[in-house]
N, C-alpha and C. Protein backbone atom coordinates (compact mmCIF):
# COMPACT_ATOMS: atom_id res chain seq x y z
N UNK A 1 80.54 21.74 -78.30
CA UNK A 1 79.68 22.60 -77.51
C UNK A 1 78.32 22.76 -78.20
N UNK A 2 78.34 22.90 -79.51
CA UNK A 2 77.10 23.06 -80.25
C UNK A 2 76.22 21.82 -80.14
N UNK A 3 76.85 20.64 -80.21
CA UNK A 3 76.09 19.39 -80.07
C UNK A 3 75.47 19.29 -78.68
N UNK A 4 76.23 19.71 -77.68
CA UNK A 4 75.72 19.70 -76.31
C UNK A 4 74.48 20.58 -76.21
N UNK A 5 74.55 21.75 -76.81
CA UNK A 5 73.42 22.68 -76.78
C UNK A 5 72.20 22.06 -77.46
N UNK A 6 72.42 21.38 -78.58
CA UNK A 6 71.31 20.73 -79.29
C UNK A 6 70.68 19.63 -78.43
N UNK A 7 71.52 18.85 -77.74
CA UNK A 7 71.00 17.79 -76.89
C UNK A 7 70.14 18.35 -75.76
N UNK A 8 70.62 19.40 -75.13
CA UNK A 8 69.88 20.00 -74.02
C UNK A 8 68.59 20.64 -74.53
N UNK A 9 68.68 21.33 -75.66
CA UNK A 9 67.50 21.97 -76.23
C UNK A 9 66.43 20.95 -76.60
N UNK A 10 66.86 19.76 -76.97
CA UNK A 10 65.93 18.68 -77.33
C UNK A 10 65.43 17.92 -76.11
N UNK A 11 65.79 18.42 -74.92
CA UNK A 11 65.40 17.80 -73.64
C UNK A 11 65.97 16.40 -73.47
N UNK A 12 67.10 16.12 -74.10
CA UNK A 12 67.73 14.82 -73.94
C UNK A 12 68.38 14.67 -72.56
N UNK A 13 68.46 15.76 -71.80
CA UNK A 13 69.02 15.69 -70.45
C UNK A 13 67.96 15.29 -69.43
N UNK A 14 66.70 15.30 -69.82
CA UNK A 14 65.59 15.07 -68.90
C UNK A 14 65.15 13.61 -68.96
N UNK A 15 65.42 12.86 -67.91
CA UNK A 15 65.09 11.45 -67.86
C UNK A 15 63.60 11.16 -67.89
N UNK A 16 62.77 12.16 -67.60
CA UNK A 16 61.31 11.97 -67.66
C UNK A 16 60.80 11.98 -69.10
N UNK A 17 61.54 12.66 -69.99
CA UNK A 17 61.08 12.81 -71.37
C UNK A 17 61.76 11.84 -72.33
N UNK A 18 62.95 11.43 -72.02
CA UNK A 18 63.68 10.45 -72.84
C UNK A 18 64.11 9.32 -71.92
N UNK A 19 64.68 8.29 -72.49
CA UNK A 19 65.10 7.16 -71.66
C UNK A 19 66.21 7.58 -70.69
N UNK A 20 66.29 6.88 -69.59
CA UNK A 20 67.31 7.15 -68.58
C UNK A 20 68.70 7.02 -69.17
N UNK A 21 68.89 6.07 -70.09
CA UNK A 21 70.20 5.86 -70.70
C UNK A 21 70.65 7.09 -71.49
N UNK A 22 69.74 7.69 -72.24
CA UNK A 22 70.08 8.88 -73.02
C UNK A 22 70.40 10.04 -72.09
N UNK A 23 69.58 10.24 -71.07
CA UNK A 23 69.82 11.32 -70.11
C UNK A 23 71.15 11.13 -69.39
N UNK A 24 71.48 9.89 -69.03
CA UNK A 24 72.75 9.61 -68.37
C UNK A 24 73.94 9.91 -69.28
N UNK A 25 73.80 9.61 -70.57
CA UNK A 25 74.88 9.90 -71.53
C UNK A 25 75.12 11.40 -71.66
N UNK A 26 74.04 12.17 -71.69
CA UNK A 26 74.18 13.62 -71.77
C UNK A 26 74.85 14.15 -70.51
N UNK A 27 74.44 13.64 -69.36
CA UNK A 27 75.05 14.04 -68.09
C UNK A 27 76.54 13.70 -68.08
N UNK A 28 76.88 12.52 -68.56
CA UNK A 28 78.29 12.10 -68.61
C UNK A 28 79.09 12.97 -69.58
N UNK A 29 78.49 13.34 -70.70
CA UNK A 29 79.16 14.21 -71.66
C UNK A 29 79.46 15.57 -71.05
N UNK A 30 78.51 16.13 -70.31
CA UNK A 30 78.74 17.41 -69.63
C UNK A 30 79.88 17.26 -68.63
N UNK A 31 79.89 16.18 -67.88
CA UNK A 31 80.95 15.95 -66.90
C UNK A 31 82.32 15.84 -67.57
N UNK A 32 82.40 15.09 -68.66
CA UNK A 32 83.68 14.93 -69.36
C UNK A 32 84.16 16.26 -69.93
N UNK A 33 83.25 17.04 -70.50
CA UNK A 33 83.63 18.36 -71.00
C UNK A 33 84.17 19.23 -69.88
N UNK A 34 83.53 19.16 -68.73
CA UNK A 34 83.96 19.95 -67.56
C UNK A 34 85.39 19.57 -67.15
N UNK A 35 85.68 18.29 -67.14
CA UNK A 35 86.99 17.83 -66.68
C UNK A 35 88.13 18.26 -67.60
N UNK A 36 87.89 18.33 -68.89
CA UNK A 36 88.97 18.64 -69.83
C UNK A 36 89.04 20.11 -70.19
N UNK A 37 88.18 20.94 -69.62
CA UNK A 37 88.08 22.35 -70.02
C UNK A 37 88.87 23.26 -69.09
N UNK A 38 89.24 24.42 -69.66
CA UNK A 38 89.85 25.46 -68.84
C UNK A 38 88.74 26.30 -68.20
N UNK A 39 89.12 27.23 -67.35
CA UNK A 39 88.14 28.01 -66.59
C UNK A 39 87.22 28.83 -67.49
N UNK A 40 87.75 29.39 -68.57
CA UNK A 40 86.94 30.20 -69.47
C UNK A 40 85.84 29.36 -70.11
N UNK A 41 86.19 28.18 -70.58
CA UNK A 41 85.21 27.31 -71.21
C UNK A 41 84.20 26.81 -70.19
N UNK A 42 84.65 26.56 -68.96
CA UNK A 42 83.73 26.12 -67.91
C UNK A 42 82.67 27.19 -67.65
N UNK A 43 83.08 28.44 -67.63
CA UNK A 43 82.12 29.53 -67.44
C UNK A 43 81.14 29.59 -68.61
N UNK A 44 81.64 29.42 -69.83
CA UNK A 44 80.76 29.41 -71.00
C UNK A 44 79.77 28.26 -70.92
N UNK A 45 80.23 27.10 -70.48
CA UNK A 45 79.36 25.93 -70.35
C UNK A 45 78.26 26.19 -69.33
N UNK A 46 78.63 26.74 -68.18
CA UNK A 46 77.63 27.05 -67.15
C UNK A 46 76.62 28.08 -67.65
N UNK A 47 77.10 29.10 -68.35
CA UNK A 47 76.20 30.13 -68.87
C UNK A 47 75.26 29.56 -69.92
N UNK A 48 75.77 28.66 -70.75
CA UNK A 48 74.93 28.03 -71.77
C UNK A 48 73.84 27.19 -71.11
N UNK A 49 74.21 26.39 -70.12
CA UNK A 49 73.24 25.54 -69.43
C UNK A 49 72.20 26.40 -68.72
N UNK A 50 72.63 27.48 -68.12
CA UNK A 50 71.71 28.41 -67.44
C UNK A 50 70.74 29.01 -68.45
N UNK A 51 71.28 29.44 -69.58
CA UNK A 51 70.45 30.04 -70.62
C UNK A 51 69.43 29.08 -71.21
N UNK A 52 69.75 27.79 -71.19
CA UNK A 52 68.84 26.79 -71.74
C UNK A 52 67.81 26.31 -70.72
N UNK A 53 67.91 26.82 -69.50
CA UNK A 53 66.91 26.49 -68.49
C UNK A 53 67.13 25.19 -67.75
N UNK A 54 68.35 24.68 -67.78
CA UNK A 54 68.67 23.46 -67.04
C UNK A 54 68.70 23.80 -65.55
N UNK A 55 68.19 22.92 -64.72
CA UNK A 55 68.14 23.20 -63.29
C UNK A 55 69.53 23.14 -62.66
N UNK A 56 69.67 23.92 -61.60
CA UNK A 56 70.94 23.93 -60.88
C UNK A 56 71.21 22.55 -60.28
N UNK A 57 70.17 21.87 -59.86
CA UNK A 57 70.32 20.52 -59.30
C UNK A 57 70.88 19.55 -60.35
N UNK A 58 70.39 19.65 -61.58
CA UNK A 58 70.88 18.78 -62.65
C UNK A 58 72.36 19.06 -62.91
N UNK A 59 72.73 20.34 -62.94
CA UNK A 59 74.12 20.72 -63.18
C UNK A 59 75.01 20.20 -62.06
N UNK A 60 74.56 20.34 -60.81
CA UNK A 60 75.34 19.80 -59.68
C UNK A 60 75.59 18.31 -59.85
N UNK A 61 74.56 17.58 -60.24
CA UNK A 61 74.70 16.14 -60.43
C UNK A 61 75.63 15.81 -61.58
N UNK A 62 75.49 16.53 -62.68
CA UNK A 62 76.33 16.26 -63.85
C UNK A 62 77.79 16.55 -63.57
N UNK A 63 78.05 17.63 -62.83
CA UNK A 63 79.43 18.01 -62.53
C UNK A 63 79.96 17.32 -61.28
N UNK A 64 79.06 16.62 -60.59
CA UNK A 64 79.41 15.90 -59.36
C UNK A 64 79.96 16.85 -58.30
N UNK A 65 79.29 17.98 -58.17
CA UNK A 65 79.63 18.97 -57.14
C UNK A 65 78.39 19.16 -56.28
N UNK A 66 78.31 18.43 -55.20
CA UNK A 66 77.10 18.43 -54.39
C UNK A 66 77.14 19.42 -53.24
N UNK A 67 78.30 19.96 -52.93
CA UNK A 67 78.39 20.93 -51.85
C UNK A 67 78.19 22.34 -52.36
N UNK A 68 78.69 23.28 -51.64
CA UNK A 68 78.56 24.69 -52.01
C UNK A 68 79.64 25.14 -52.97
N UNK A 69 80.54 24.24 -53.38
CA UNK A 69 81.64 24.62 -54.26
C UNK A 69 81.14 25.21 -55.57
N UNK A 70 80.09 24.65 -56.12
CA UNK A 70 79.55 25.16 -57.38
C UNK A 70 79.04 26.58 -57.19
N UNK A 71 78.29 26.82 -56.12
CA UNK A 71 77.76 28.16 -55.86
C UNK A 71 78.86 29.14 -55.50
N UNK A 72 79.65 28.78 -54.52
CA UNK A 72 80.65 29.70 -53.99
C UNK A 72 81.78 29.98 -54.96
N UNK A 73 82.21 28.97 -55.68
CA UNK A 73 83.37 29.17 -56.55
C UNK A 73 82.97 29.53 -57.97
N UNK A 74 82.21 28.66 -58.59
CA UNK A 74 81.99 28.82 -60.03
C UNK A 74 80.95 29.86 -60.38
N UNK A 75 79.85 29.93 -59.67
CA UNK A 75 78.85 30.94 -59.99
C UNK A 75 79.40 32.33 -59.70
N UNK A 76 80.18 32.45 -58.63
CA UNK A 76 80.80 33.73 -58.31
C UNK A 76 81.86 34.08 -59.34
N UNK A 77 82.72 33.13 -59.64
CA UNK A 77 83.80 33.36 -60.60
C UNK A 77 83.27 33.73 -61.98
N UNK A 78 82.18 33.08 -62.38
CA UNK A 78 81.62 33.30 -63.71
C UNK A 78 80.56 34.39 -63.72
N UNK A 79 80.29 34.98 -62.56
CA UNK A 79 79.30 36.05 -62.42
C UNK A 79 77.93 35.59 -62.93
N UNK A 80 77.46 34.46 -62.39
CA UNK A 80 76.19 33.89 -62.79
C UNK A 80 75.22 33.95 -61.62
N UNK A 81 74.04 34.50 -61.89
CA UNK A 81 72.94 34.50 -60.91
C UNK A 81 72.03 33.33 -61.27
N UNK A 82 71.98 32.34 -60.41
CA UNK A 82 71.17 31.16 -60.69
C UNK A 82 70.23 30.94 -59.51
N UNK A 83 68.95 31.18 -59.71
CA UNK A 83 67.95 31.12 -58.65
C UNK A 83 67.82 29.85 -58.01
């Protein structure tokens, strides 16, 4: 989790600032963490990404949740206000 935070803080998730390959690896890492995590860790991950200023669109893409499931289920469950 700490490494993930360092990558995001270094803007390694942003394909405009680093190579697309690096940004894709960070996105894939977030997705893999999501798949193997329990609900508590998933909420922590979402809160960390929110706190670091990652866009909701980027999170949707990384988690591969393009519908309202992310908003309706996870943001509500984790009590996250994401503009």
